[in-house]
Amino acid sequence: MRKYHHIGIPTDIPRENETYLEKYKMYISGFKESPYGVEWMRFEPDSPLPELVKSIPHVAFEVDDLEAEIQGKEILIMPNSPSKGITVAFIVDNGTPIEFIKVEKITE
């Protein structure tokens, strides 16, 4: 399964209700309020993320099998966990970054 999750748009304009992600030295905003999954991303100058992610919008998809989605692709960011229960990876397709998100099902 591959399902649209959001579009990430780089910006240098501070926005209301930004969340700071220290690991990536970036601010994100808008996703929770947008019915269409628009997420704004503002980066500190020393953000460790690739320039392609910092300068080109990306589309993100929620997937069931992250490893299968990236197999044989040009990997831009290796699988990593930005928060508990979430694993993400980026590939490059046709010159643009594509993000895949795997959400772990939590059973209680």
N, C-alpha and C. Protein backbone atom coordinates (compact mmCIF):
# COMPACT_ATOMS: atom_id res chain seq x y z
N MET A 1 0.84 -1.18 0.00
CA MET A 1 0.00 0.00 0.00
C MET A 1 0.89 1.25 0.00
N ARG A 2 0.53 2.20 -0.80
CA ARG A 2 1.21 3.49 -0.84
C ARG A 2 0.11 4.54 -0.86
N LYS A 3 0.08 5.40 0.17
CA LYS A 3 -0.99 6.38 0.31
C LYS A 3 -0.38 7.77 0.52
N TYR A 4 -0.92 8.76 -0.23
CA TYR A 4 -0.44 10.14 -0.07
C TYR A 4 -0.51 10.54 1.40
N HIS A 5 0.55 11.20 1.89
CA HIS A 5 0.60 11.66 3.27
C HIS A 5 0.70 13.18 3.35
N HIS A 6 1.67 13.76 2.64
CA HIS A 6 1.83 15.22 2.66
C HIS A 6 2.75 15.70 1.55
N ILE A 7 2.76 16.99 1.37
CA ILE A 7 3.76 17.64 0.53
C ILE A 7 4.57 18.55 1.46
N GLY A 8 5.88 18.46 1.38
CA GLY A 8 6.77 19.29 2.17
C GLY A 8 7.35 20.39 1.31
N ILE A 9 7.17 21.63 1.75
CA ILE A 9 7.61 22.77 0.96
C ILE A 9 8.64 23.59 1.75
N PRO A 10 9.87 23.66 1.23
CA PRO A 10 10.88 24.48 1.90
C PRO A 10 10.51 25.97 1.86
N THR A 11 10.83 26.66 2.94
CA THR A 11 10.59 28.10 3.02
C THR A 11 11.66 28.72 3.90
N ASP A 12 11.85 30.02 3.77
CA ASP A 12 12.73 30.72 4.69
C ASP A 12 11.94 31.73 5.52
N ILE A 13 10.61 31.64 5.45
CA ILE A 13 9.72 32.55 6.18
C ILE A 13 9.20 31.86 7.44
N PRO A 14 9.46 32.43 8.62
CA PRO A 14 8.90 31.86 9.85
C PRO A 14 7.36 31.88 9.79
N ARG A 15 6.75 30.82 10.32
CA ARG A 15 5.29 30.70 10.32
C ARG A 15 4.80 30.44 11.73
N GLU A 16 3.50 30.67 11.92
CA GLU A 16 2.89 30.43 13.23
C GLU A 16 2.94 28.94 13.58
N ASN A 17 3.02 28.67 14.86
CA ASN A 17 2.94 27.30 15.39
C ASN A 17 3.99 26.35 14.82
N GLU A 18 5.21 26.85 14.60
CA GLU A 18 6.28 25.99 14.14
C GLU A 18 6.71 25.02 15.24
N THR A 19 7.06 23.81 14.83
CA THR A 19 7.64 22.83 15.73
C THR A 19 9.10 22.67 15.35
N TYR A 20 9.98 22.75 16.33
CA TYR A 20 11.41 22.63 16.06
C TYR A 20 11.85 21.17 16.20
N LEU A 21 12.54 20.66 15.19
CA LEU A 21 13.10 19.32 15.23
C LEU A 21 14.62 19.46 15.36
N GLU A 22 15.09 19.35 16.59
CA GLU A 22 16.49 19.61 16.89
C GLU A 22 17.45 18.71 16.11
N LYS A 23 17.10 17.44 15.97
CA LYS A 23 17.96 16.48 15.27
C LYS A 23 18.26 16.93 13.84
N TYR A 24 17.29 17.58 13.22
CA TYR A 24 17.43 18.00 11.82
C TYR A 24 17.66 19.50 11.67
N LYS A 25 17.65 20.22 12.78
CA LYS A 25 17.84 21.68 12.79
C LYS A 25 16.89 22.35 11.80
N MET A 26 15.60 22.03 12.01
CA MET A 26 14.57 22.55 11.11
C MET A 26 13.28 22.79 11.89
N TYR A 27 12.43 23.62 11.30
CA TYR A 27 11.11 23.90 11.84
C TYR A 27 10.08 23.39 10.84
N ILE A 28 8.99 22.79 11.36
CA ILE A 28 7.90 22.37 10.49
C ILE A 28 6.62 23.02 10.99
N SER A 29 5.70 23.25 10.07
CA SER A 29 4.41 23.84 10.44
C SER A 29 3.39 23.57 9.35
N GLY A 30 2.13 23.72 9.71
CA GLY A 30 1.04 23.67 8.76
C GLY A 30 0.38 22.33 8.57
N PHE A 31 1.10 21.23 8.75
CA PHE A 31 0.56 19.91 8.44
C PHE A 31 -0.71 19.60 9.22
N LYS A 32 -0.69 19.85 10.51
CA LYS A 32 -1.85 19.52 11.36
C LYS A 32 -3.09 20.33 11.00
N GLU A 33 -2.89 21.53 10.49
CA GLU A 33 -4.01 22.41 10.16
C GLU A 33 -4.49 22.24 8.71
N SER A 34 -3.69 21.63 7.87
CA SER A 34 -4.02 21.56 6.44
C SER A 34 -4.82 20.31 6.11
N PRO A 35 -6.00 20.48 5.51
CA PRO A 35 -6.77 19.30 5.10
C PRO A 35 -6.14 18.58 3.91
N TYR A 36 -5.10 19.18 3.30
CA TYR A 36 -4.46 18.60 2.13
C TYR A 36 -3.04 18.13 2.39
N GLY A 37 -2.60 18.20 3.64
CA GLY A 37 -1.27 17.73 3.99
C GLY A 37 -0.15 18.64 3.54
N VAL A 38 -0.37 19.95 3.61
CA VAL A 38 0.70 20.90 3.26
C VAL A 38 1.55 21.14 4.50
N GLU A 39 2.84 20.85 4.38
CA GLU A 39 3.78 21.04 5.49
C GLU A 39 4.88 22.00 5.04
N TRP A 40 5.08 23.05 5.81
CA TRP A 40 6.15 24.01 5.55
C TRP A 40 7.38 23.59 6.33
N MET A 41 8.55 23.72 5.72
CA MET A 41 9.80 23.32 6.35
C MET A 41 10.79 24.48 6.25
N ARG A 42 11.28 24.92 7.40
CA ARG A 42 12.26 26.01 7.45
C ARG A 42 13.52 25.47 8.12
N PHE A 43 14.65 25.65 7.49
CA PHE A 43 15.91 25.03 7.94
C PHE A 43 16.88 26.05 8.49
N GLU A 44 17.61 25.64 9.53
CA GLU A 44 18.73 26.43 10.01
C GLU A 44 19.87 26.27 9.00
N PRO A 45 20.78 27.24 8.92
CA PRO A 45 21.87 27.15 7.93
C PRO A 45 22.71 25.88 8.05
N ASP A 46 22.84 25.35 9.27
CA ASP A 46 23.67 24.16 9.47
C ASP A 46 22.85 22.87 9.58
N SER A 47 21.64 22.86 9.04
CA SER A 47 20.84 21.64 9.02
C SER A 47 21.61 20.55 8.29
N PRO A 48 21.63 19.32 8.85
CA PRO A 48 22.39 18.24 8.22
C PRO A 48 21.67 17.58 7.04
N LEU A 49 20.46 18.00 6.74
CA LEU A 49 19.71 17.37 5.66
C LEU A 49 20.28 17.73 4.29
N PRO A 50 20.09 16.86 3.30
CA PRO A 50 20.62 17.13 1.95
C PRO A 50 20.02 18.40 1.35
N GLU A 51 20.81 19.07 0.54
CA GLU A 51 20.38 20.31 -0.10
C GLU A 51 19.11 20.10 -0.92
N LEU A 52 18.96 18.95 -1.53
CA LEU A 52 17.76 18.67 -2.34
C LEU A 52 16.49 18.76 -1.49
N VAL A 53 16.53 18.25 -0.26
CA VAL A 53 15.37 18.32 0.65
C VAL A 53 15.15 19.75 1.11
N LYS A 54 16.23 20.49 1.29
CA LYS A 54 16.12 21.87 1.79
C LYS A 54 15.70 22.86 0.71
N SER A 55 15.75 22.44 -0.55
CA SER A 55 15.48 23.41 -1.61
C SER A 55 14.36 23.04 -2.58
N ILE A 56 13.96 21.78 -2.63
CA ILE A 56 12.95 21.31 -3.57
C ILE A 56 11.78 20.70 -2.78
N PRO A 57 10.54 21.04 -3.12
CA PRO A 57 9.39 20.39 -2.44
C PRO A 57 9.44 18.87 -2.65
N HIS A 58 8.90 18.16 -1.67
CA HIS A 58 8.83 16.70 -1.78
C HIS A 58 7.41 16.22 -1.50
N VAL A 59 7.08 15.09 -2.08
CA VAL A 59 5.82 14.42 -1.80
C VAL A 59 6.13 13.24 -0.89
N ALA A 60 5.26 13.01 0.11
CA ALA A 60 5.47 11.91 1.05
C ALA A 60 4.30 10.94 0.96
N PHE A 61 4.66 9.66 1.05
CA PHE A 61 3.66 8.59 1.01
C PHE A 61 3.82 7.71 2.24
N GLU A 62 2.70 7.34 2.85
CA GLU A 62 2.71 6.33 3.90
C GLU A 62 2.72 4.97 3.22
N VAL A 63 3.60 4.08 3.67
CA VAL A 63 3.76 2.78 3.04
C VAL A 63 3.73 1.66 4.07
N ASP A 64 3.38 0.45 3.59
CA ASP A 64 3.40 -0.73 4.45
C ASP A 64 4.80 -1.33 4.56
N ASP A 65 5.56 -1.29 3.47
CA ASP A 65 6.87 -1.93 3.42
C ASP A 65 7.92 -0.93 2.93
N LEU A 66 8.55 -0.26 3.87
CA LEU A 66 9.53 0.79 3.54
C LEU A 66 10.71 0.22 2.75
N GLU A 67 11.22 -0.92 3.17
CA GLU A 67 12.38 -1.51 2.50
C GLU A 67 12.07 -1.84 1.04
N ALA A 68 10.89 -2.34 0.76
CA ALA A 68 10.50 -2.66 -0.62
C ALA A 68 10.41 -1.39 -1.46
N GLU A 69 9.94 -0.30 -0.88
CA GLU A 69 9.79 0.96 -1.62
C GLU A 69 11.13 1.55 -2.04
N ILE A 70 12.16 1.37 -1.22
CA ILE A 70 13.44 2.00 -1.53
C ILE A 70 14.41 1.06 -2.24
N GLN A 71 14.09 -0.22 -2.29
CA GLN A 71 14.99 -1.18 -2.91
C GLN A 71 15.25 -0.83 -4.37
N GLY A 72 16.53 -0.76 -4.72
CA GLY A 72 16.94 -0.47 -6.08
C GLY A 72 16.81 0.98 -6.49
N LYS A 73 16.43 1.85 -5.57
CA LYS A 73 16.26 3.28 -5.86
C LYS A 73 17.49 4.07 -5.43
N GLU A 74 17.59 5.30 -5.92
CA GLU A 74 18.64 6.22 -5.48
C GLU A 74 18.24 6.76 -4.11
N ILE A 75 18.90 6.30 -3.06
CA ILE A 75 18.53 6.68 -1.70
C ILE A 75 19.19 8.01 -1.35
N LEU A 76 18.38 8.95 -0.93
CA LEU A 76 18.85 10.28 -0.52
C LEU A 76 19.07 10.32 0.99
N ILE A 77 18.13 9.78 1.75
CA ILE A 77 18.24 9.68 3.21
C ILE A 77 17.88 8.26 3.60
N MET A 78 18.80 7.59 4.25
CA MET A 78 18.59 6.20 4.69
C MET A 78 17.45 6.14 5.71
N PRO A 79 16.81 4.98 5.86
CA PRO A 79 15.75 4.85 6.86
C PRO A 79 16.23 5.29 8.23
N ASN A 80 15.39 6.10 8.89
CA ASN A 80 15.71 6.59 10.23
C ASN A 80 14.39 6.88 10.94
N SER A 81 14.46 7.08 12.24
CA SER A 81 13.26 7.30 13.03
C SER A 81 13.25 8.70 13.64
N PRO A 82 12.47 9.62 13.05
CA PRO A 82 12.40 10.97 13.60
C PRO A 82 11.59 11.05 14.90
N SER A 83 10.70 10.06 15.12
CA SER A 83 9.93 10.00 16.35
C SER A 83 9.48 8.56 16.58
N LYS A 84 9.08 8.27 17.80
CA LYS A 84 8.71 6.91 18.19
C LYS A 84 7.60 6.36 17.28
N GLY A 85 7.84 5.16 16.75
CA GLY A 85 6.84 4.50 15.93
C GLY A 85 6.81 4.93 14.48
N ILE A 86 7.74 5.82 14.09
CA ILE A 86 7.78 6.34 12.72
C ILE A 86 9.17 6.07 12.13
N THR A 87 9.21 5.51 10.93
CA THR A 87 10.45 5.35 10.19
C THR A 87 10.26 6.02 8.83
N VAL A 88 11.25 6.80 8.41
CA VAL A 88 11.17 7.50 7.13
C VAL A 88 12.44 7.25 6.33
N ALA A 89 12.31 7.40 5.02
CA ALA A 89 13.45 7.37 4.11
C ALA A 89 13.10 8.23 2.92
N PHE A 90 14.12 8.77 2.27
CA PHE A 90 13.94 9.58 1.07
C PHE A 90 14.69 8.93 -0.09
N ILE A 91 14.08 8.98 -1.27
CA ILE A 91 14.75 8.61 -2.50
C ILE A 91 14.73 9.82 -3.43
N VAL A 92 15.45 9.71 -4.54
CA VAL A 92 15.39 10.72 -5.58
C VAL A 92 14.70 10.09 -6.78
N ASP A 93 13.67 10.74 -7.28
CA ASP A 93 12.97 10.28 -8.48
C ASP A 93 12.80 11.47 -9.42
N ASN A 94 13.36 11.35 -10.62
CA ASN A 94 13.22 12.40 -11.62
C ASN A 94 13.70 13.76 -11.10
N GLY A 95 14.75 13.73 -10.28
CA GLY A 95 15.36 14.95 -9.79
C GLY A 95 14.72 15.57 -8.56
N THR A 96 13.71 14.91 -8.00
CA THR A 96 13.04 15.46 -6.83
C THR A 96 13.04 14.46 -5.67
N PRO A 97 13.05 14.95 -4.44
CA PRO A 97 13.00 14.03 -3.31
C PRO A 97 11.59 13.46 -3.11
N ILE A 98 11.53 12.19 -2.78
CA ILE A 98 10.28 11.50 -2.44
C ILE A 98 10.49 10.87 -1.07
N GLU A 99 9.54 11.09 -0.18
CA GLU A 99 9.65 10.55 1.18
C GLU A 99 8.68 9.38 1.35
N PHE A 100 9.14 8.34 2.01
CA PHE A 100 8.29 7.21 2.39
C PHE A 100 8.24 7.15 3.91
N ILE A 101 7.06 6.94 4.45
CA ILE A 101 6.83 6.92 5.89
C ILE A 101 6.20 5.59 6.27
N LYS A 102 6.79 4.92 7.23
CA LYS A 102 6.25 3.68 7.77
C LYS A 102 5.81 3.98 9.21
N VAL A 103 4.53 3.78 9.48
CA VAL A 103 3.98 4.00 10.81
C VAL A 103 3.77 2.64 11.45
N GLU A 104 4.44 2.44 12.58
CA GLU A 104 4.29 1.16 13.29
C GLU A 104 2.93 1.11 13.95
N LYS A 105 2.27 -0.02 13.78
CA LYS A 105 0.97 -0.23 14.43
C LYS A 105 1.22 -0.52 15.91
N ILE A 106 0.57 0.26 16.76
CA ILE A 106 0.74 0.09 18.21
C ILE A 106 -0.39 -0.76 18.73
N THR A 107 -0.02 -1.88 19.37
CA THR A 107 -1.03 -2.75 19.96
C THR A 107 -0.93 -2.62 21.47
N GLU A 108 -2.07 -2.58 22.09
CA GLU A 108 -2.07 -2.41 23.55
C GLU A 108 -2.49 -3.66 24.24
